[in-house]
C-alpha cells in the first residue's frame, strides 16, 4: 500500500489544499482546520447548514492565510491574543483567537450573514473523546479527531454499488491510501505507519449531508447519494453510515506522497 493523497483544510468547511509532503504533529496534519468561521453564538459554521462556504477559497501564506471570494481577497495574519470561545457541536473550546474585524467584515459580506473568523493556536485546548482514545490526544477545529483516513478500494466499491462516480473530495480526508487491499480493510486496522508517522485508528467516520454536495459549489447534486448506497453497503452496528476512519497521532513525523503504508496492528472490524 502507499499514500496517494495528502490534503488539509486550512479553514474548516472551505476547500482543500493538496500537498506533496507534510509534517504531522500531535494535532494532525500541519495546518489542518486551524481556522474556522464562527456564528455570533460562537458555534463553528460548516457546509452542512451553510454550503456557501465552499465558494470561498483559501491559500496559506507566511504567518497566515489569504481568502478570496467573487474577485476580492484579503490576507489575514495569525491573531495575537484576542481570545474568544468556539463550539464544535456541544464541545466548548476556550482560548481560540479572533482574527479581527477586517476578516469578519469580508466573510460576513461574502456569506450574507454576520460571522467572525477564529484561529486555533499552537497549544492543546481540545481533547478527543476518551471513549475512543484512552491516552490523551488533541485536535483543532476538526469534528472530533485530528486525522481522517480513507482508501481508494473503498471508494471504488462505493462507486460500483452506486453505479456512478463520486470523487474522494466529497469525503474530505487528510490521507488517502491505495494498493492491493480489500474494500473496508481500514475497519480492521488499529495502528499504521506512513513515512515516519505512526497513527492509531480510533473511530469510524460517520457521514453527513456534506457528501451529497458538489465540492466546488456546495450545491446538493442528489438528495440521497452517496449516502443511500453507503447506508446499504457500510453501516456500523449502531446504524451509522460510515466512510473512512478517524485516527490520532502516536508518533509525529512527516508524510510524503508515495510513502509505503505499513499496518502494524489489526483487530476485528470496528463497525461491530
C-alpha atoms as a PDB file:
ATOM      1  CA  UNK A   1       0.000   0.000   0.000  1.00  0.00           C
ATOM      2  CA  UNK A   2       1.054   3.587  -0.488  1.00  0.00           C
ATOM      3  CA  UNK A   3      -0.046   7.101   0.334  1.00  0.00           C
ATOM      4  CA  UNK A   4      -1.742   8.620  -2.713  1.00  0.00           C
ATOM      5  CA  UNK A   5      -3.063  11.944  -1.395  1.00  0.00           C
ATOM      6  CA  UNK A   6      -2.341  14.419   1.400  1.00  0.00           C
ATOM      7  CA  UNK A   7      -4.927  17.135   1.989  1.00  0.00           C
ATOM      8  CA  UNK A   8      -5.523  19.852   4.544  1.00  0.00           C
ATOM      9  CA  UNK A   9      -8.469  22.159   5.076  1.00  0.00           C
ATOM     10  CA  UNK A  10      -6.926  25.353   6.450  1.00  0.00           C
ATOM     11  CA  UNK A  11     -10.372  26.804   7.236  1.00  0.00           C
ATOM     12  CA  UNK A  12     -12.980  24.292   8.360  1.00  0.00           C
ATOM     13  CA  UNK A  13     -15.549  23.586   5.579  1.00  0.00           C
ATOM     14  CA  UNK A  14     -13.654  25.654   3.000  1.00  0.00           C
ATOM     15  CA  UNK A  15     -11.878  23.938   0.053  1.00  0.00           C
ATOM     16  CA  UNK A  16      -8.895  21.643   0.449  1.00  0.00           C
ATOM     17  CA  UNK A  17      -5.203  22.260  -0.160  1.00  0.00           C
ATOM     18  CA  UNK A  18      -3.260  19.265  -1.519  1.00  0.00           C
ATOM     19  CA  UNK A  19       0.387  18.649  -0.652  1.00  0.00           C
ATOM     20  CA  UNK A  20       3.343  16.607  -1.879  1.00  0.00           C
ATOM     21  CA  UNK A  21       4.633  16.277   1.696  1.00  0.00           C
ATOM     22  CA  UNK A  22       3.551  17.482   5.100  1.00  0.00           C
ATOM     23  CA  UNK A  23       4.553  17.380   8.735  1.00  0.00           C
ATOM     24  CA  UNK A  24       2.208  15.516  11.062  1.00  0.00           C
ATOM     25  CA  UNK A  25       2.121  16.691  14.664  1.00  0.00           C
ATOM     26  CA  UNK A  26       0.073  15.909  17.736  1.00  0.00           C
ATOM     27  CA  UNK A  27      -2.947  17.839  16.396  1.00  0.00           C
ATOM     28  CA  UNK A  28      -2.826  16.251  12.945  1.00  0.00           C
ATOM     29  CA  UNK A  29      -1.502  17.250   9.528  1.00  0.00           C
ATOM     30  CA  UNK A  30       0.218  20.623   9.735  1.00  0.00           C
ATOM     31  CA  UNK A  31      -2.237  23.463   9.126  1.00  0.00           C
ATOM     32  CA  UNK A  32      -5.377  21.350   9.025  1.00  0.00           C
ATOM     33  CA  UNK A  33      -8.579  23.006  10.307  1.00  0.00           C
ATOM     34  CA  UNK A  34      -6.740  25.590  12.352  1.00  0.00           C
ATOM     35  CA  UNK A  35      -9.186  28.309  11.280  1.00  0.00           C
ATOM     36  CA  UNK A  36     -12.980  28.328  11.454  1.00  0.00           C
ATOM     37  CA  UNK A  37     -15.872  30.631  10.636  1.00  0.00           C
ATOM     38  CA  UNK A  38     -17.990  31.345  13.725  1.00  0.00           C
ATOM     39  CA  UNK A  39     -21.592  32.429  14.097  1.00  0.00           C
ATOM     40  CA  UNK A  40     -22.300  35.165  16.686  1.00  0.00           C
ATOM     41  CA  UNK A  41     -23.055  32.422  19.224  1.00  0.00           C
ATOM     42  CA  UNK A  42     -19.529  31.031  18.796  1.00  0.00           C
ATOM     43  CA  UNK A  43     -20.792  27.924  17.017  1.00  0.00           C
ATOM     44  CA  UNK A  44     -18.491  26.808  14.204  1.00  0.00           C
ATOM     45  CA  UNK A  45     -20.110  27.178  10.767  1.00  0.00           C
ATOM     46  CA  UNK A  46     -19.982  24.196   8.401  1.00  0.00           C
ATOM     47  CA  UNK A  47     -21.192  23.337   4.918  1.00  0.00           C
ATOM     48  CA  UNK A  48     -23.895  21.162   6.466  1.00  0.00           C
ATOM     49  CA  UNK A  49     -26.011  24.258   7.048  1.00  0.00           C
ATOM     50  CA  UNK A  50     -24.013  26.874   5.105  1.00  0.00           C
ATOM     51  CA  UNK A  51     -22.967  25.401   1.721  1.00  0.00           C
ATOM     52  CA  UNK A  52     -21.851  28.852   0.529  1.00  0.00           C
ATOM     53  CA  UNK A  53     -18.610  28.243   2.437  1.00  0.00           C
ATOM     54  CA  UNK A  54     -17.434  26.055  -0.464  1.00  0.00           C
ATOM     55  CA  UNK A  55     -17.229  29.145  -2.716  1.00  0.00           C
ATOM     56  CA  UNK A  56     -14.670  30.945  -0.548  1.00  0.00           C
ATOM     57  CA  UNK A  57     -11.135  29.917  -1.462  1.00  0.00           C
ATOM     58  CA  UNK A  58      -8.203  29.910   0.923  1.00  0.00           C
ATOM     59  CA  UNK A  59      -4.429  29.850   0.419  1.00  0.00           C
ATOM     60  CA  UNK A  60      -1.823  29.508   3.150  1.00  0.00           C
ATOM     61  CA  UNK A  61       0.681  32.351   3.221  1.00  0.00           C
ATOM     62  CA  UNK A  62       3.596  33.103   5.521  1.00  0.00           C
ATOM     63  CA  UNK A  63       2.179  33.745   9.002  1.00  0.00           C
ATOM     64  CA  UNK A  64      -1.451  33.493   7.947  1.00  0.00           C
ATOM     65  CA  UNK A  65      -3.931  32.834   5.159  1.00  0.00           C
ATOM     66  CA  UNK A  66      -5.389  34.607   2.126  1.00  0.00           C
ATOM     67  CA  UNK A  67      -9.116  34.210   1.488  1.00  0.00           C
ATOM     68  CA  UNK A  68     -10.882  35.074  -1.773  1.00  0.00           C
ATOM     69  CA  UNK A  69     -14.475  35.448  -2.894  1.00  0.00           C
ATOM     70  CA  UNK A  70     -16.070  36.884  -6.034  1.00  0.00           C
ATOM     71  CA  UNK A  71     -12.904  38.684  -7.184  1.00  0.00           C
ATOM     72  CA  UNK A  72     -11.964  40.119  -3.818  1.00  0.00           C
ATOM     73  CA  UNK A  73      -9.333  38.822  -1.435  1.00  0.00           C
ATOM     74  CA  UNK A  74      -7.965  39.516   1.997  1.00  0.00           C
ATOM     75  CA  UNK A  75      -4.717  38.485   3.674  1.00  0.00           C
ATOM     76  CA  UNK A  76      -5.143  37.594   7.335  1.00  0.00           C
ATOM     77  CA  UNK A  77      -2.230  37.388   9.761  1.00  0.00           C
ATOM     78  CA  UNK A  78      -2.146  34.948  12.651  1.00  0.00           C
ATOM     79  CA  UNK A  79      -4.042  36.572  15.535  1.00  0.00           C
ATOM     80  CA  UNK A  80      -2.183  37.555  18.663  1.00  0.00           C
ATOM     81  CA  UNK A  81      -4.108  37.147  21.871  1.00  0.00           C
ATOM     82  CA  UNK A  82      -7.700  38.270  21.147  1.00  0.00           C
ATOM     83  CA  UNK A  83      -9.195  35.200  22.799  1.00  0.00           C
ATOM     84  CA  UNK A  84     -12.748  34.037  22.233  1.00  0.00           C
ATOM     85  CA  UNK A  85     -14.888  30.918  22.668  1.00  0.00           C
ATOM     86  CA  UNK A  86     -15.950  28.474  19.966  1.00  0.00           C
ATOM     87  CA  UNK A  87     -18.259  25.478  19.924  1.00  0.00           C
ATOM     88  CA  UNK A  88     -17.844  22.377  17.756  1.00  0.00           C
ATOM     89  CA  UNK A  89     -21.164  20.630  18.248  1.00  0.00           C
ATOM     90  CA  UNK A  90     -21.575  20.778  22.052  1.00  0.00           C
ATOM     91  CA  UNK A  91     -17.822  20.888  22.680  1.00  0.00           C
ATOM     92  CA  UNK A  92     -16.891  24.263  24.174  1.00  0.00           C
ATOM     93  CA  UNK A  93     -13.377  25.475  23.286  1.00  0.00           C
ATOM     94  CA  UNK A  94     -11.939  28.313  25.347  1.00  0.00           C
ATOM     95  CA  UNK A  95      -8.917  30.268  24.191  1.00  0.00           C
ATOM     96  CA  UNK A  96      -9.178  30.299  20.385  1.00  0.00           C
ATOM     97  CA  UNK A  97      -8.187  33.631  18.867  1.00  0.00           C
ATOM     98  CA  UNK A  98     -10.377  36.075  16.957  1.00  0.00           C
ATOM     99  CA  UNK A  99      -8.935  37.135  13.575  1.00  0.00           C
ATOM    100  CA  UNK A 100     -10.200  40.711  13.733  1.00  0.00           C
ATOM    101  CA  UNK A 101     -12.806  42.986  12.208  1.00  0.00           C
ATOM    102  CA  UNK A 102     -11.440  43.058   8.631  1.00  0.00           C
ATOM    103  CA  UNK A 103     -11.742  39.273   8.358  1.00  0.00           C
ATOM    104  CA  UNK A 104     -15.190  39.357   9.973  1.00  0.00           C
ATOM    105  CA  UNK A 105     -16.398  42.052   7.568  1.00  0.00           C
ATOM    106  CA  UNK A 106     -15.044  40.266   4.470  1.00  0.00           C
ATOM    107  CA  UNK A 107     -16.606  36.929   5.394  1.00  0.00           C
ATOM    108  CA  UNK A 108     -19.898  38.454   6.543  1.00  0.00           C
ATOM    109  CA  UNK A 109     -20.231  40.211   3.181  1.00  0.00           C
ATOM    110  CA  UNK A 110     -19.343  37.044   1.258  1.00  0.00           C
ATOM    111  CA  UNK A 111     -21.792  34.875   3.207  1.00  0.00           C
ATOM    112  CA  UNK A 112     -24.603  37.397   3.660  1.00  0.00           C
ATOM    113  CA  UNK A 113     -24.729  36.968   7.438  1.00  0.00           C
ATOM    114  CA  UNK A 114     -22.813  38.035  10.495  1.00  0.00           C
ATOM    115  CA  UNK A 115     -19.812  35.803  11.150  1.00  0.00           C
ATOM    116  CA  UNK A 116     -16.293  36.040  12.509  1.00  0.00           C
ATOM    117  CA  UNK A 117     -13.079  34.121  11.850  1.00  0.00           C
ATOM    118  CA  UNK A 118     -11.148  32.340  14.598  1.00  0.00           C
ATOM    119  CA  UNK A 119      -7.747  30.667  14.789  1.00  0.00           C
ATOM    120  CA  UNK A 120      -6.828  27.620  16.846  1.00  0.00           C
ATOM    121  CA  UNK A 121      -3.438  28.325  18.499  1.00  0.00           C
ATOM    122  CA  UNK A 122      -0.477  26.004  18.954  1.00  0.00           C
ATOM    123  CA  UNK A 123      -1.495  24.643  22.317  1.00  0.00           C
ATOM    124  CA  UNK A 124      -3.719  21.758  23.407  1.00  0.00           C
ATOM    125  CA  UNK A 125      -7.146  23.231  24.114  1.00  0.00           C
ATOM    126  CA  UNK A 126      -9.409  20.410  22.980  1.00  0.00           C
ATOM    127  CA  UNK A 127      -9.011  16.740  23.862  1.00  0.00           C
ATOM    128  CA  UNK A 128     -10.559  14.000  21.735  1.00  0.00           C
ATOM    129  CA  UNK A 129     -13.313  11.832  23.199  1.00  0.00           C
ATOM    130  CA  UNK A 130     -11.746   9.488  25.755  1.00  0.00           C
ATOM    131  CA  UNK A 131     -14.408   6.878  24.983  1.00  0.00           C
ATOM    132  CA  UNK A 132     -12.393   6.127  21.841  1.00  0.00           C
ATOM    133  CA  UNK A 133      -8.873   7.148  22.853  1.00  0.00           C
ATOM    134  CA  UNK A 134      -7.760   6.237  26.346  1.00  0.00           C
ATOM    135  CA  UNK A 135      -4.482   8.146  26.213  1.00  0.00           C
ATOM    136  CA  UNK A 136      -4.690  11.960  25.852  1.00  0.00           C
ATOM    137  CA  UNK A 137      -4.802  13.269  22.284  1.00  0.00           C
ATOM    138  CA  UNK A 138      -5.838  16.647  20.960  1.00  0.00           C
ATOM    139  CA  UNK A 139      -7.373  18.200  17.872  1.00  0.00           C
ATOM    140  CA  UNK A 140      -8.228  21.624  16.446  1.00  0.00           C
ATOM    141  CA  UNK A 141     -11.480  22.569  14.726  1.00  0.00           C
ATOM    142  CA  UNK A 142     -11.991  19.089  13.207  1.00  0.00           C
ATOM    143  CA  UNK A 143     -15.321  17.461  14.040  1.00  0.00           C
ATOM    144  CA  UNK A 144     -13.703  15.174  16.570  1.00  0.00           C
ATOM    145  CA  UNK A 145     -10.267  13.768  15.687  1.00  0.00           C
ATOM    146  CA  UNK A 146      -7.056  15.105  14.154  1.00  0.00           C
ATOM    147  CA  UNK A 147      -6.725  12.737  11.149  1.00  0.00           C
ATOM    148  CA  UNK A 148      -9.217  11.237   8.679  1.00  0.00           C
ATOM    149  CA  UNK A 149      -8.057   8.301   6.561  1.00  0.00           C
ATOM    150  CA  UNK A 150      -9.818   6.807   3.517  1.00  0.00           C
ATOM    151  CA  UNK A 151      -8.888   4.195   0.907  1.00  0.00           C
ATOM    152  CA  UNK A 152      -9.356   4.111  -2.852  1.00  0.00           C
ATOM    153  CA  UNK A 153     -10.507   0.481  -2.620  1.00  0.00           C
ATOM    154  CA  UNK A 154     -13.494   1.505  -0.503  1.00  0.00           C
ATOM    155  CA  UNK A 155     -14.337   4.388  -2.838  1.00  0.00           C
ATOM    156  CA  UNK A 156     -14.260   2.029  -5.832  1.00  0.00           C
ATOM    157  CA  UNK A 157     -16.621  -0.347  -4.008  1.00  0.00           C
ATOM    158  CA  UNK A 158     -18.993   2.532  -3.287  1.00  0.00           C
ATOM    159  CA  UNK A 159     -18.918   3.778  -6.884  1.00  0.00           C
ATOM    160  CA  UNK A 160     -19.543   0.280  -8.243  1.00  0.00           C
ATOM    161  CA  UNK A 161     -22.521  -0.236  -5.956  1.00  0.00           C
ATOM    162  CA  UNK A 162     -23.924   3.223  -6.706  1.00  0.00           C
ATOM    163  CA  UNK A 163     -23.453   2.908 -10.469  1.00  0.00           C
ATOM    164  CA  UNK A 164     -21.856   6.348 -10.640  1.00  0.00           C
ATOM    165  CA  UNK A 165     -18.562   8.037  -9.846  1.00  0.00           C
ATOM    166  CA  UNK A 166     -18.058  10.045  -6.682  1.00  0.00           C
ATOM    167  CA  UNK A 167     -14.788  11.874  -6.143  1.00  0.00           C
ATOM    168  CA  UNK A 168     -12.834  11.278  -2.965  1.00  0.00           C
ATOM    169  CA  UNK A 169     -13.012  15.038  -2.412  1.00  0.00           C
ATOM    170  CA  UNK A 170     -16.576  14.610  -1.163  1.00  0.00           C
ATOM    171  CA  UNK A 171     -15.258  12.800   1.887  1.00  0.00           C
ATOM    172  CA  UNK A 172     -12.686  15.435   2.892  1.00  0.00           C
ATOM    173  CA  UNK A 173      -9.972  13.020   4.025  1.00  0.00           C
ATOM    174  CA  UNK A 174      -6.495  14.051   5.148  1.00  0.00           C
ATOM    175  CA  UNK A 175      -4.737  10.905   3.955  1.00  0.00           C
ATOM    176  CA  UNK A 176      -5.846   8.638   1.093  1.00  0.00           C
ATOM    177  CA  UNK A 177      -4.317   5.166   0.777  1.00  0.00           C
ATOM    178  CA  UNK A 178      -4.276   2.948  -2.291  1.00  0.00           C
ATOM    179  CA  UNK A 179      -2.952  -0.513  -3.105  1.00  0.00           C
ATOM    180  CA  UNK A 180      -3.873  -4.156  -3.312  1.00  0.00           C
ATOM    181  CA  UNK A 181      -6.321  -4.206  -0.410  1.00  0.00           C
ATOM    182  CA  UNK A 182      -9.942  -5.201   0.037  1.00  0.00           C
ATOM    183  CA  UNK A 183     -12.644  -2.554   0.386  1.00  0.00           C
ATOM    184  CA  UNK A 184     -13.197  -1.574   4.023  1.00  0.00           C
ATOM    185  CA  UNK A 185      -9.903  -3.168   5.133  1.00  0.00           C
ATOM    186  CA  UNK A 186      -9.318   0.038   7.091  1.00  0.00           C
ATOM    187  CA  UNK A 187     -12.080  -1.036   9.518  1.00  0.00           C
ATOM    188  CA  UNK A 188      -9.696  -3.681  10.892  1.00  0.00           C
ATOM    189  CA  UNK A 189      -6.587  -1.519  11.183  1.00  0.00           C
ATOM    190  CA  UNK A 190      -5.527  -0.434  14.648  1.00  0.00           C
ATOM    191  CA  UNK A 191      -2.078   1.094  14.083  1.00  0.00           C
ATOM    192  CA  UNK A 192      -0.405   2.083  10.829  1.00  0.00           C
ATOM    193  CA  UNK A 193       2.910   3.644   9.835  1.00  0.00           C
ATOM    194  CA  UNK A 194       3.153   6.162   6.991  1.00  0.00           C
ATOM    195  CA  UNK A 195       6.644   7.513   6.431  1.00  0.00           C
ATOM    196  CA  UNK A 196       7.976   8.428   9.858  1.00  0.00           C
ATOM    197  CA  UNK A 197       4.487   8.855  11.334  1.00  0.00           C
ATOM    198  CA  UNK A 198       2.555   6.288  13.365  1.00  0.00           C
ATOM    199  CA  UNK A 199      -1.220   6.653  13.624  1.00  0.00           C
ATOM    200  CA  UNK A 200      -3.763   4.826  15.751  1.00  0.00           C
ATOM    201  CA  UNK A 201      -7.212   4.213  14.255  1.00  0.00           C
ATOM    202  CA  UNK A 202      -9.789   5.076  16.909  1.00  0.00           C
ATOM    203  CA  UNK A 203     -13.259   5.522  15.399  1.00  0.00           C
ATOM    204  CA  UNK A 204     -15.214   5.023  12.158  1.00  0.00           C
ATOM    205  CA  UNK A 205     -16.206   8.283  10.464  1.00  0.00           C
ATOM    206  CA  UNK A 206     -19.950   8.894  10.345  1.00  0.00           C
ATOM    207  CA  UNK A 207     -21.024  10.657   7.148  1.00  0.00           C
ATOM    208  CA  UNK A 208     -23.418  13.550   6.715  1.00  0.00           C
ATOM    209  CA  UNK A 209     -25.173  15.661   4.087  1.00  0.00           C
ATOM    210  CA  UNK A 210     -21.889  17.294   3.002  1.00  0.00           C
ATOM    211  CA  UNK A 211     -21.118  14.173   0.944  1.00  0.00           C
ATOM    212  CA  UNK A 212     -24.161  14.950  -1.235  1.00  0.00           C
ATOM    213  CA  UNK A 213     -22.776  18.386  -2.183  1.00  0.00           C
ATOM    214  CA  UNK A 214     -20.604  19.349  -5.130  1.00  0.00           C
ATOM    215  CA  UNK A 215     -17.210  20.078  -3.513  1.00  0.00           C
ATOM    216  CA  UNK A 216     -16.692  23.196  -5.651  1.00  0.00           C
ATOM    217  CA  UNK A 217     -20.092  24.875  -5.351  1.00  0.00           C
ATOM    218  CA  UNK A 218     -21.802  23.408  -2.295  1.00  0.00           C
ATOM    219  CA  UNK A 219     -24.827  22.626  -4.460  1.00  0.00           C
ATOM    220  CA  UNK A 220     -26.533  19.387  -3.483  1.00  0.00           C
ATOM    221  CA  UNK A 221     -26.219  17.164  -6.555  1.00  0.00           C
ATOM    222  CA  UNK A 222     -28.517  14.435  -5.222  1.00  0.00           C
ATOM    223  CA  UNK A 223     -30.629  14.421  -2.060  1.00  0.00           C
ATOM    224  CA  UNK A 224     -29.827  10.774  -1.438  1.00  0.00           C
ATOM    225  CA  UNK A 225     -26.463   9.801  -2.891  1.00  0.00           C
ATOM    226  CA  UNK A 226     -23.912   8.682  -1.964  1.00  0.00           C
ATOM    227  CA  UNK A 227     -25.478   8.290   1.490  1.00  0.00           C
ATOM    228  CA  UNK A 228     -28.253   5.955   0.310  1.00  0.00           C
ATOM    229  CA  UNK A 229     -25.797   3.492  -1.220  1.00  0.00           C
ATOM    230  CA  UNK A 230     -23.421   3.761   1.732  1.00  0.00           C
ATOM    231  CA  UNK A 231     -26.357   3.099   4.030  1.00  0.00           C
ATOM    232  CA  UNK A 232     -26.923  -0.237   2.349  1.00  0.00           C
ATOM    233  CA  UNK A 233     -23.243  -1.038   1.948  1.00  0.00           C
ATOM    234  CA  UNK A 234     -21.380   0.091   5.032  1.00  0.00           C
ATOM    235  CA  UNK A 235     -23.135   0.797   8.324  1.00  0.00           C
ATOM    236  CA  UNK A 236     -21.943   0.431  11.892  1.00  0.00           C
ATOM    237  CA  UNK A 237     -23.701  -1.816  14.375  1.00  0.00           C
ATOM    238  CA  UNK A 238     -25.430   1.345  15.682  1.00  0.00           C
ATOM    239  CA  UNK A 239     -26.778   2.068  12.209  1.00  0.00           C
ATOM    240  CA  UNK A 240     -24.384   4.925  11.417  1.00  0.00           C
ATOM    241  CA  UNK A 241     -23.380   5.427   7.764  1.00  0.00           C
ATOM    242  CA  UNK A 242     -19.583   5.061   7.606  1.00  0.00           C
ATOM    243  CA  UNK A 243     -16.838   6.040   5.190  1.00  0.00           C
ATOM    244  CA  UNK A 244     -13.262   6.390   6.423  1.00  0.00           C
ATOM    245  CA  UNK A 245     -11.556   6.101   9.769  1.00  0.00           C
ATOM    246  CA  UNK A 246     -10.576   8.707  12.345  1.00  0.00           C
ATOM    247  CA  UNK A 247      -7.080   8.478  13.786  1.00  0.00           C
ATOM    248  CA  UNK A 248      -4.845  10.041  16.408  1.00  0.00           C
ATOM    249  CA  UNK A 249      -1.103  10.592  16.195  1.00  0.00           C
ATOM    250  CA  UNK A 250       1.069   8.215  18.219  1.00  0.00           C
ATOM    251  CA  UNK A 251       4.390   9.250  16.694  1.00  0.00           C
ATOM    252  CA  UNK A 252       4.757  12.605  14.964  1.00  0.00           C
ATOM    253  CA  UNK A 253       6.712  12.726  11.731  1.00  0.00           C
ATOM    254  CA  UNK A 254       6.463  13.541   8.043  1.00  0.00           C
ATOM    255  CA  UNK A 255       4.359  12.012   5.284  1.00  0.00           C
ATOM    256  CA  UNK A 256       5.259  12.166   1.585  1.00  0.00           C
ATOM    257  CA  UNK A 257       3.190  11.165  -1.452  1.00  0.00           C
ATOM    258  CA  UNK A 258       4.123   7.611  -2.386  1.00  0.00           C
ATOM    259  CA  UNK A 259       5.179   6.654   1.130  1.00  0.00           C
ATOM    260  CA  UNK A 260       4.682   2.973   1.955  1.00  0.00           C
ATOM    261  CA  UNK A 261       1.834   2.320   4.375  1.00  0.00           C
ATOM    262  CA  UNK A 262       2.502  -0.481   6.854  1.00  0.00           C
ATOM    263  CA  UNK A 263      -0.223  -1.964   9.026  1.00  0.00           C
ATOM    264  CA  UNK A 264       1.352  -2.538  12.443  1.00  0.00           C
ATOM    265  CA  UNK A 265      -1.680  -3.897  14.270  1.00  0.00           C
ATOM    266  CA  UNK A 266      -5.105  -5.218  13.280  1.00  0.00           C
ATOM    267  CA  UNK A 267      -8.274  -6.352  15.042  1.00  0.00           C
ATOM    268  CA  UNK A 268     -11.923  -7.089  14.445  1.00  0.00           C
ATOM    269  CA  UNK A 269     -13.892  -4.585  12.363  1.00  0.00           C
ATOM    270  CA  UNK A 270     -14.622  -1.522  14.485  1.00  0.00           C
ATOM    271  CA  UNK A 271     -18.073  -1.268  12.894  1.00  0.00           C
ATOM    272  CA  UNK A 272     -19.233  -4.233  15.001  1.00  0.00           C
END
